[in-house]
C-alpha atoms as a PDB file:
ATOM      1  CA  MET A   1      26.984  23.618 -16.840  1.00  0.00           C
ATOM      2  CA  LYS A   2      27.287  20.327 -14.938  1.00  0.00           C
ATOM      3  CA  PRO A   3      27.670  17.173 -17.007  1.00  0.00           C
ATOM      4  CA  GLU A   4      24.651  14.850 -17.100  1.00  0.00           C
ATOM      5  CA  LEU A   5      24.971  11.944 -14.688  1.00  0.00           C
ATOM      6  CA  LEU A   6      25.104   8.516 -16.292  1.00  0.00           C
ATOM      7  CA  ASP A   7      22.004   6.342 -15.806  1.00  0.00           C
ATOM      8  CA  VAL A   8      23.821   3.057 -15.207  1.00  0.00           C
ATOM      9  CA  GLN A   9      20.616   1.110 -14.457  1.00  0.00           C
ATOM     10  CA  SER A  10      19.352   1.683 -18.000  1.00  0.00           C
ATOM     11  CA  LEU A  11      22.478   0.290 -19.622  1.00  0.00           C
ATOM     12  CA  PRO A  12      22.335  -3.246 -21.088  1.00  0.00           C
ATOM     13  CA  PRO A  13      23.463  -6.025 -18.711  1.00  0.00           C
ATOM     14  CA  GLU A  14      26.209  -8.506 -19.383  1.00  0.00           C
ATOM     15  CA  GLU A  15      23.726 -11.374 -19.140  1.00  0.00           C
ATOM     16  CA  LYS A  16      20.482 -10.582 -20.968  1.00  0.00           C
ATOM     17  CA  ILE A  17      18.029 -12.513 -18.760  1.00  0.00           C
ATOM     18  CA  ASP A  18      14.592 -11.324 -17.653  1.00  0.00           C
ATOM     19  CA  ILE A  19      14.208 -10.996 -13.876  1.00  0.00           C
ATOM     20  CA  ASP A  20      10.848 -11.870 -12.310  1.00  0.00           C
ATOM     21  CA  LYS A  21      11.093  -9.581  -9.292  1.00  0.00           C
ATOM     22  CA  VAL A  22      13.470  -6.794  -8.315  1.00  0.00           C
ATOM     23  CA  GLY A  23      12.878  -4.117  -5.742  1.00  0.00           C
ATOM     24  CA  ILE A  24      13.184  -3.254  -2.082  1.00  0.00           C
ATOM     25  CA  LYS A  25      12.587  -5.219   1.121  1.00  0.00           C
ATOM     26  CA  GLY A  26      12.232  -4.246   4.759  1.00  0.00           C
ATOM     27  CA  PHE A  27      11.207  -0.627   4.091  1.00  0.00           C
ATOM     28  CA  LYS A  28       9.377   0.705   7.155  1.00  0.00           C
ATOM     29  CA  HIS A  29       6.865   3.490   6.704  1.00  0.00           C
ATOM     30  CA  PRO A  30       3.882   4.999   8.559  1.00  0.00           C
ATOM     31  CA  VAL A  31       0.625   3.783   7.030  1.00  0.00           C
ATOM     32  CA  THR A  32      -3.097   4.173   7.569  1.00  0.00           C
ATOM     33  CA  VAL A  33      -5.167   0.993   7.357  1.00  0.00           C
ATOM     34  CA  LEU A  34      -8.896   0.306   7.556  1.00  0.00           C
ATOM     35  CA  ASP A  35     -10.371  -0.275  11.028  1.00  0.00           C
ATOM     36  CA  ARG A  36     -13.894  -1.700  11.466  1.00  0.00           C
ATOM     37  CA  GLU A  37     -14.721   0.390  14.558  1.00  0.00           C
ATOM     38  CA  LYS A  38     -12.714   3.566  14.061  1.00  0.00           C
ATOM     39  CA  GLY A  39     -12.676   3.715  10.261  1.00  0.00           C
ATOM     40  CA  LEU A  40      -8.904   4.143  10.079  1.00  0.00           C
ATOM     41  CA  GLN A  41      -5.929   3.067  12.191  1.00  0.00           C
ATOM     42  CA  HIS A  42      -2.449   4.582  12.043  1.00  0.00           C
ATOM     43  CA  THR A  43       0.415   2.120  12.294  1.00  0.00           C
ATOM     44  CA  VAL A  44       3.903   1.426  10.900  1.00  0.00           C
ATOM     45  CA  ALA A  45       4.302  -1.220   8.211  1.00  0.00           C
ATOM     46  CA  GLU A  46       7.222  -3.162   6.805  1.00  0.00           C
ATOM     47  CA  LEU A  47       6.940  -3.055   3.027  1.00  0.00           C
ATOM     48  CA  ASN A  48       8.423  -5.226   0.300  1.00  0.00           C
ATOM     49  CA  LEU A  49       7.943  -3.870  -3.226  1.00  0.00           C
ATOM     50  CA  TYR A  50       8.931  -5.512  -6.520  1.00  0.00           C
ATOM     51  CA  VAL A  51       8.577  -5.158 -10.283  1.00  0.00           C
ATOM     52  CA  ASP A  52       9.763  -7.307 -13.174  1.00  0.00           C
ATOM     53  CA  LEU A  53      12.911  -6.250 -15.019  1.00  0.00           C
ATOM     54  CA  PRO A  54      13.364  -6.911 -18.755  1.00  0.00           C
ATOM     55  CA  SER A  55      16.635  -8.358 -19.995  1.00  0.00           C
ATOM     56  CA  LYS A  56      17.600  -5.085 -21.713  1.00  0.00           C
ATOM     57  CA  PHE A  57      18.079  -3.220 -18.390  1.00  0.00           C
ATOM     58  CA  LYS A  58      21.025  -3.666 -16.041  1.00  0.00           C
ATOM     59  CA  GLY A  59      19.087  -2.662 -12.934  1.00  0.00           C
ATOM     60  CA  THR A  60      15.964  -1.026 -11.514  1.00  0.00           C
ATOM     61  CA  HIS A  61      15.629   2.461 -10.038  1.00  0.00           C
ATOM     62  CA  MET A  62      15.269   1.949  -6.273  1.00  0.00           C
ATOM     63  CA  SER A  63      14.391   5.582  -5.526  1.00  0.00           C
ATOM     64  CA  ARG A  64      11.233   5.369  -7.640  1.00  0.00           C
ATOM     65  CA  PHE A  65       9.748   2.752  -5.290  1.00  0.00           C
ATOM     66  CA  ILE A  66      10.046   5.208  -2.400  1.00  0.00           C
ATOM     67  CA  GLU A  67       8.696   8.075  -4.505  1.00  0.00           C
ATOM     68  CA  VAL A  68       5.516   6.144  -5.291  1.00  0.00           C
ATOM     69  CA  ILE A  69       5.015   5.205  -1.621  1.00  0.00           C
ATOM     70  CA  ASN A  70       5.421   8.850  -0.632  1.00  0.00           C
ATOM     71  CA  GLU A  71       2.822   9.952  -3.182  1.00  0.00           C
ATOM     72  CA  PHE A  72       0.201   7.896  -1.325  1.00  0.00           C
ATOM     73  CA  LYS A  73       0.995   9.739   1.928  1.00  0.00           C
ATOM     74  CA  GLY A  74       0.903   6.571   4.009  1.00  0.00           C
ATOM     75  CA  GLU A  75      -2.630   5.512   3.021  1.00  0.00           C
ATOM     76  CA  ILE A  76      -2.152   1.957   1.790  1.00  0.00           C
ATOM     77  CA  HIS A  77      -5.040  -0.490   2.147  1.00  0.00           C
ATOM     78  CA  VAL A  78      -7.173  -2.926   0.141  1.00  0.00           C
ATOM     79  CA  LYS A  79      -9.145  -0.143  -1.548  1.00  0.00           C
ATOM     80  CA  ASN A  80      -6.180   1.623  -3.143  1.00  0.00           C
ATOM     81  CA  VAL A  81      -3.299  -0.862  -3.279  1.00  0.00           C
ATOM     82  CA  ILE A  82      -3.933  -1.876  -6.913  1.00  0.00           C
ATOM     83  CA  LYS A  83      -3.857   1.810  -7.882  1.00  0.00           C
ATOM     84  CA  LEU A  84      -0.477   2.060  -6.162  1.00  0.00           C
ATOM     85  CA  LEU A  85       0.842  -0.983  -8.046  1.00  0.00           C
ATOM     86  CA  LYS A  86      -0.371   0.354 -11.392  1.00  0.00           C
ATOM     87  CA  LYS A  87       1.514   3.587 -10.737  1.00  0.00           C
ATOM     88  CA  LEU A  88       4.609   1.644  -9.661  1.00  0.00           C
ATOM     89  CA  ALA A  89       4.577  -0.451 -12.837  1.00  0.00           C
ATOM     90  CA  GLN A  90       4.110   2.671 -14.968  1.00  0.00           C
ATOM     91  CA  ARG A  91       6.883   4.600 -13.204  1.00  0.00           C
ATOM     92  CA  LEU A  92       9.366   1.745 -13.682  1.00  0.00           C
ATOM     93  CA  SER A  93       8.236   0.713 -17.196  1.00  0.00           C
ATOM     94  CA  ALA A  94       7.347  -2.731 -15.839  1.00  0.00           C
ATOM     95  CA  LYS A  95       4.664  -5.259 -16.773  1.00  0.00           C
ATOM     96  CA  SER A  96       4.031  -6.378 -13.200  1.00  0.00           C
ATOM     97  CA  ALA A  97       4.270  -4.956  -9.688  1.00  0.00           C
ATOM     98  CA  HIS A  98       3.963  -6.597  -6.281  1.00  0.00           C
ATOM     99  CA  LEU A  99       3.555  -5.474  -2.682  1.00  0.00           C
ATOM    100  CA  GLU A 100       3.927  -7.343   0.609  1.00  0.00           C
ATOM    101  CA  MET A 101       2.902  -5.411   3.707  1.00  0.00           C
ATOM    102  CA  PHE A 102       3.151  -6.525   7.332  1.00  0.00           C
ATOM    103  CA  PHE A 103       1.985  -4.278  10.150  1.00  0.00           C
ATOM    104  CA  PRO A 104       1.045  -4.335  13.849  1.00  0.00           C
ATOM    105  CA  TYR A 105      -2.719  -3.996  14.218  1.00  0.00           C
ATOM    106  CA  PHE A 106      -4.270  -3.107  17.593  1.00  0.00           C
ATOM    107  CA  LEU A 107      -7.759  -3.850  18.871  1.00  0.00           C
ATOM    108  CA  GLN A 108      -9.453  -2.903  22.122  1.00  0.00           C
ATOM    109  CA  LYS A 109     -10.184  -6.171  23.886  1.00  0.00           C
ATOM    110  CA  LYS A 110     -12.149  -6.689  27.104  1.00  0.00           C
ATOM    111  CA  ALA A 111     -11.118  -9.213  29.740  1.00  0.00           C
ATOM    112  CA  PRO A 112     -13.744 -11.993  29.940  1.00  0.00           C
ATOM    113  CA  VAL A 113     -14.944 -11.406  33.540  1.00  0.00           C
ATOM    114  CA  THR A 114     -13.870  -7.972  34.767  1.00  0.00           C
ATOM    115  CA  GLN A 115     -14.438  -6.452  31.309  1.00  0.00           C
ATOM    116  CA  ILE A 116     -11.317  -4.311  31.730  1.00  0.00           C
ATOM    117  CA  SER A 117     -10.311  -3.067  28.286  1.00  0.00           C
ATOM    118  CA  SER A 118      -6.759  -3.085  26.945  1.00  0.00           C
ATOM    119  CA  LEU A 119      -5.027  -3.003  23.587  1.00  0.00           C
ATOM    120  CA  MET A 120      -4.226  -6.364  21.989  1.00  0.00           C
ATOM    121  CA  GLU A 121      -1.665  -6.568  19.173  1.00  0.00           C
ATOM    122  CA  TYR A 122      -2.057  -8.709  16.068  1.00  0.00           C
ATOM    123  CA  GLN A 123      -0.093  -8.697  12.814  1.00  0.00           C
ATOM    124  CA  GLY A 124      -1.932  -7.627   9.683  1.00  0.00           C
ATOM    125  CA  ILE A 125      -0.911  -8.892   6.240  1.00  0.00           C
ATOM    126  CA  LEU A 126      -1.631  -7.394   2.828  1.00  0.00           C
ATOM    127  CA  LEU A 127      -0.291  -9.060  -0.335  1.00  0.00           C
ATOM    128  CA  ALA A 128      -1.077  -7.612  -3.751  1.00  0.00           C
ATOM    129  CA  SER A 129       0.019  -8.078  -7.367  1.00  0.00           C
ATOM    130  CA  TYR A 130      -0.799  -6.357 -10.646  1.00  0.00           C
ATOM    131  CA  SER A 131       0.262  -7.757 -14.016  1.00  0.00           C
ATOM    132  CA  GLU A 132      -0.946  -6.480 -17.385  1.00  0.00           C
ATOM    133  CA  GLY A 133      -4.513  -5.866 -16.243  1.00  0.00           C
ATOM    134  CA  LYS A 134      -4.727  -8.861 -13.901  1.00  0.00           C
ATOM    135  CA  LYS A 135      -4.820  -8.229 -10.169  1.00  0.00           C
ATOM    136  CA  ASP A 136      -4.501 -10.402  -7.080  1.00  0.00           C
ATOM    137  CA  LEU A 137      -5.268  -9.387  -3.511  1.00  0.00           C
ATOM    138  CA  VAL A 138      -4.760 -11.339  -0.288  1.00  0.00           C
ATOM    139  CA  ILE A 139      -5.391 -10.130   3.248  1.00  0.00           C
ATOM    140  CA  GLY A 140      -4.423 -11.940   6.392  1.00  0.00           C
ATOM    141  CA  ALA A 141      -3.573 -11.878  10.069  1.00  0.00           C
ATOM    142  CA  LYS A 142      -1.329 -13.588  12.584  1.00  0.00           C
ATOM    143  CA  VAL A 143      -3.374 -14.316  15.702  1.00  0.00           C
ATOM    144  CA  PRO A 144      -1.897 -15.506  19.040  1.00  0.00           C
ATOM    145  CA  VAL A 145      -4.157 -17.950  20.905  1.00  0.00           C
ATOM    146  CA  MET A 146      -4.006 -20.588  23.648  1.00  0.00           C
ATOM    147  CA  THR A 147      -4.299 -24.349  23.146  1.00  0.00           C
ATOM    148  CA  LEU A 148      -4.680 -27.129  25.694  1.00  0.00           C
ATOM    149  CA  CYS A 149      -3.650 -30.668  24.767  1.00  0.00           C
ATOM    150  CA  PRO A 150      -6.542 -33.207  24.633  1.00  0.00           C
ATOM    151  CA  CYS A 151      -4.146 -36.127  25.116  1.00  0.00           C
ATOM    152  CA  SER A 152      -2.530 -34.570  28.176  1.00  0.00           C
ATOM    153  CA  LYS A 153      -5.969 -33.889  29.659  1.00  0.00           C
ATOM    154  CA  SER A 154      -7.141 -37.456  29.089  1.00  0.00           C
ATOM    155  CA  ILE A 155      -4.120 -39.160  30.663  1.00  0.00           C
ATOM    156  CA  SER A 156      -3.318 -36.732  33.502  1.00  0.00           C
ATOM    157  CA  GLN A 157      -4.948 -36.937  36.924  1.00  0.00           C
ATOM    158  CA  PHE A 158      -4.540 -33.299  37.883  1.00  0.00           C
ATOM    159  CA  SER A 159      -4.024 -31.035  34.874  1.00  0.00           C
ATOM    160  CA  ALA A 160      -3.063 -30.745  31.199  1.00  0.00           C
ATOM    161  CA  HIS A 161      -0.242 -28.964  29.435  1.00  0.00           C
ATOM    162  CA  ASN A 162      -1.112 -25.837  27.500  1.00  0.00           C
ATOM    163  CA  GLN A 163       0.745 -23.290  25.439  1.00  0.00           C
ATOM    164  CA  ARG A 164       0.476 -20.236  23.299  1.00  0.00           C
ATOM    165  CA  SER A 165      -0.070 -20.880  19.622  1.00  0.00           C
ATOM    166  CA  LEU A 166       0.016 -18.746  16.503  1.00  0.00           C
ATOM    167  CA  ILE A 167      -2.644 -18.949  13.803  1.00  0.00           C
ATOM    168  CA  THR A 168      -1.868 -17.424  10.404  1.00  0.00           C
ATOM    169  CA  VAL A 169      -4.877 -16.816   8.158  1.00  0.00           C
ATOM    170  CA  LYS A 170      -4.763 -15.547   4.552  1.00  0.00           C
ATOM    171  CA  VAL A 171      -7.763 -15.184   2.237  1.00  0.00           C
ATOM    172  CA  ARG A 172      -8.787 -14.097  -1.234  1.00  0.00           C
ATOM    173  CA  PHE A 173     -12.293 -12.717  -1.239  1.00  0.00           C
ATOM    174  CA  LYS A 174     -15.249 -11.711  -3.425  1.00  0.00           C
ATOM    175  CA  GLU A 175     -16.209  -8.597  -1.508  1.00  0.00           C
ATOM    176  CA  PHE A 176     -14.472  -6.775   1.301  1.00  0.00           C
ATOM    177  CA  ILE A 177     -13.608  -8.687   4.490  1.00  0.00           C
ATOM    178  CA  TRP A 178     -12.549  -6.947   7.682  1.00  0.00           C
ATOM    179  CA  LEU A 179      -9.324  -8.001   9.350  1.00  0.00           C
ATOM    180  CA  GLU A 180     -11.342  -8.288  12.556  1.00  0.00           C
ATOM    181  CA  GLU A 181     -13.412 -11.092  11.007  1.00  0.00           C
ATOM    182  CA  LEU A 182     -10.318 -13.202  10.415  1.00  0.00           C
ATOM    183  CA  ILE A 183      -9.130 -12.561  13.968  1.00  0.00           C
ATOM    184  CA  GLU A 184     -12.507 -13.579  15.409  1.00  0.00           C
ATOM    185  CA  ILE A 185     -12.559 -16.776  13.330  1.00  0.00           C
ATOM    186  CA  ALA A 186      -9.069 -17.718  14.492  1.00  0.00           C
ATOM    187  CA  GLU A 187      -9.764 -17.059  18.173  1.00  0.00           C
ATOM    188  CA  ALA A 188     -13.050 -18.994  18.071  1.00  0.00           C
ATOM    189  CA  SER A 189     -11.187 -22.079  16.828  1.00  0.00           C
ATOM    190  CA  ALA A 190      -8.657 -22.255  19.687  1.00  0.00           C
ATOM    191  CA  SER A 191      -8.936 -23.458  23.276  1.00  0.00           C
ATOM    192  CA  SER A 192      -9.038 -19.814  24.345  1.00  0.00           C
ATOM    193  CA  PRO A 193      -8.114 -16.350  23.115  1.00  0.00           C
ATOM    194  CA  VAL A 194      -5.211 -14.610  24.832  1.00  0.00           C
ATOM    195  CA  TYR A 195      -5.391 -11.158  26.383  1.00  0.00           C
ATOM    196  CA  SER A 196      -3.039  -8.294  27.187  1.00  0.00           C
ATOM    197  CA  LEU A 197      -4.574  -7.650  30.612  1.00  0.00           C
ATOM    198  CA  LEU A 198      -6.119 -10.202  32.978  1.00  0.00           C
ATOM    199  CA  LYS A 199      -7.062  -9.847  36.643  1.00  0.00           C
ATOM    200  CA  ARG A 200      -7.401 -12.917  38.888  1.00  0.00           C
ATOM    201  CA  PRO A 201     -11.084 -13.594  38.064  1.00  0.00           C
ATOM    202  CA  ASP A 202     -10.219 -13.362  34.352  1.00  0.00           C
ATOM    203  CA  GLU A 203      -7.237 -15.673  34.735  1.00  0.00           C
ATOM    204  CA  LYS A 204      -9.404 -18.262  36.488  1.00  0.00           C
ATOM    205  CA  PHE A 205     -12.000 -18.040  33.705  1.00  0.00           C
ATOM    206  CA  VAL A 206      -9.426 -18.379  30.880  1.00  0.00           C
ATOM    207  CA  THR A 207      -7.707 -21.339  32.562  1.00  0.00           C
ATOM    208  CA  GLU A 208     -10.949 -23.221  33.115  1.00  0.00           C
ATOM    209  CA  PHE A 209     -12.379 -22.271  29.720  1.00  0.00           C
ATOM    210  CA  ALA A 210      -9.298 -23.667  27.958  1.00  0.00           C
ATOM    211  CA  TYR A 211      -9.477 -26.834  30.076  1.00  0.00           C
ATOM    212  CA  GLU A 212     -13.037 -27.422  28.859  1.00  0.00           C
ATOM    213  CA  ASN A 213     -12.001 -26.779  25.228  1.00  0.00           C
ATOM    214  CA  PRO A 214      -8.910 -28.917  24.533  1.00  0.00           C
ATOM    215  CA  ARG A 215      -7.552 -28.636  20.992  1.00  0.00           C
ATOM    216  CA  PHE A 216      -4.803 -30.369  19.064  1.00  0.00           C
ATOM    217  CA  VAL A 217      -3.064 -28.246  16.445  1.00  0.00           C
ATOM    218  CA  GLU A 218      -5.043 -30.334  13.927  1.00  0.00           C
ATOM    219  CA  ASP A 219      -8.335 -29.393  15.623  1.00  0.00           C
ATOM    220  CA  VAL A 220      -7.501 -25.709  15.436  1.00  0.00           C
ATOM    221  CA  VAL A 221      -6.533 -25.667  11.760  1.00  0.00           C
ATOM    222  CA  ARG A 222      -9.664 -27.655  10.867  1.00  0.00           C
ATOM    223  CA  GLY A 223     -11.851 -25.317  12.893  1.00  0.00           C
ATOM    224  CA  VAL A 224     -10.513 -22.244  11.112  1.00  0.00           C
ATOM    225  CA  ALA A 225     -10.782 -23.965   7.713  1.00  0.00           C
ATOM    226  CA  LYS A 226     -14.424 -24.931   8.340  1.00  0.00           C
ATOM    227  CA  ARG A 227     -15.385 -21.390   9.280  1.00  0.00           C
ATOM    228  CA  LEU A 228     -13.595 -19.920   6.270  1.00  0.00           C
ATOM    229  CA  TRP A 229     -15.142 -22.499   3.925  1.00  0.00           C
ATOM    230  CA  GLU A 230     -18.582 -21.454   5.171  1.00  0.00           C
ATOM    231  CA  HIS A 231     -17.849 -17.717   4.828  1.00  0.00           C
ATOM    232  CA  PRO A 232     -19.757 -16.488   1.743  1.00  0.00           C
ATOM    233  CA  GLU A 233     -17.106 -13.945   0.710  1.00  0.00           C
ATOM    234  CA  VAL A 234     -14.037 -16.205   0.880  1.00  0.00           C
ATOM    235  CA  LYS A 235     -12.783 -17.606  -2.453  1.00  0.00           C
ATOM    236  CA  TRP A 236      -9.467 -19.103  -1.280  1.00  0.00           C
ATOM    237  CA  PHE A 237      -7.788 -19.509   2.065  1.00  0.00           C
ATOM    238  CA  PHE A 238      -4.534 -20.613   3.620  1.00  0.00           C
ATOM    239  CA  VAL A 239      -4.368 -21.418   7.330  1.00  0.00           C
ATOM    240  CA  GLU A 240      -1.378 -22.539   9.365  1.00  0.00           C
ATOM    241  CA  VAL A 241      -1.148 -23.163  13.088  1.00  0.00           C
ATOM    242  CA  GLU A 242       1.982 -23.540  15.185  1.00  0.00           C
ATOM    243  CA  ASN A 243       1.906 -24.615  18.832  1.00  0.00           C
ATOM    244  CA  PHE A 244       4.888 -23.419  20.867  1.00  0.00           C
ATOM    245  CA  GLU A 245       4.903 -26.607  22.910  1.00  0.00           C
ATOM    246  CA  SER A 246       5.411 -26.246  26.662  1.00  0.00           C
ATOM    247  CA  ILE A 247       6.632 -29.803  27.426  1.00  0.00           C
ATOM    248  CA  HIS A 248       8.367 -30.694  24.150  1.00  0.00           C
ATOM    249  CA  ALA A 249      11.618 -29.489  22.598  1.00  0.00           C
ATOM    250  CA  HIS A 250       9.824 -28.979  19.282  1.00  0.00           C
ATOM    251  CA  ASN A 251       6.721 -27.200  18.017  1.00  0.00           C
ATOM    252  CA  ALA A 252       3.578 -28.776  16.551  1.00  0.00           C
ATOM    253  CA  TYR A 253       2.372 -27.592  13.125  1.00  0.00           C
ATOM    254  CA  ALA A 254      -0.536 -28.008  10.701  1.00  0.00           C
ATOM    255  CA  CYS A 255      -1.793 -26.169   7.612  1.00  0.00           C
ATOM    256  CA  ILE A 256      -4.696 -26.261   5.156  1.00  0.00           C
ATOM    257  CA  GLU A 257      -5.042 -24.462   1.804  1.00  0.00           C
ATOM    258  CA  ARG A 258      -8.237 -24.598  -0.225  1.00  0.00           C
ATOM    259  CA  THR A 259      -9.840 -22.944  -3.248  1.00  0.00           C
ATOM    260  CA  LYS A 260     -13.620 -22.962  -3.465  1.00  0.00           C
ATOM    261  CA  ILE A 261     -14.783 -24.462  -6.751  1.00  0.00           C
ATOM    262  CA  GLY A 262     -16.438 -21.847  -8.956  1.00  0.00           C
ATOM    263  CA  SER A 263     -14.851 -18.935  -7.097  1.00  0.00           C
END
């Protein structure tokens, strides 16, 4: 008969101090997320998972995080993530559990003139926490866009500098919000969306469209914030915009965070 292996993690630590979060980071796993058009989309997510650790335990059991993920067979989305966290807390005898999930999310997007369709990549974000009956859920997206400088346009005789920008949107909501809604709000607030595939007529359209819609980084973040403030399902939002400046050695940045009173 083999001797029982010692459970070192369950031994008392030298320093008896509660730890807020312990767990795993950078775990990549196939997942299925909700898609407005197709119902579901298969992708690969990077997962960070944590629980609290009482002062009486030396360490957590890392393998149990993976076991819980495997039990959900890759289906992790806003409708079941709290169930996953409850199971994680129970399995690790914890009071709280947390998940951070980042994943590439693809949408079919038509070029503005030729209407040629191609896949456009965005980054989806899902942040969730469960603690003694209380739950918190945040969804978000990172959306690449194009901005054209209003100052450059006003002072230049021939053109204006433009650049790609990245809008990050995160929201807490009353009812369900599609990721596509956040992407549409972000793109509508920029000088122009960006596309994976453009032919010459499309390129001409995008260039001229952006020229007629100049936006500072401040204009973009305010535009997104206004649209989110007016959205009936949004309770809280965080928006940040970064311009990857084409004529400066630095980037431009702005952010807004708001909670709707009474939400």
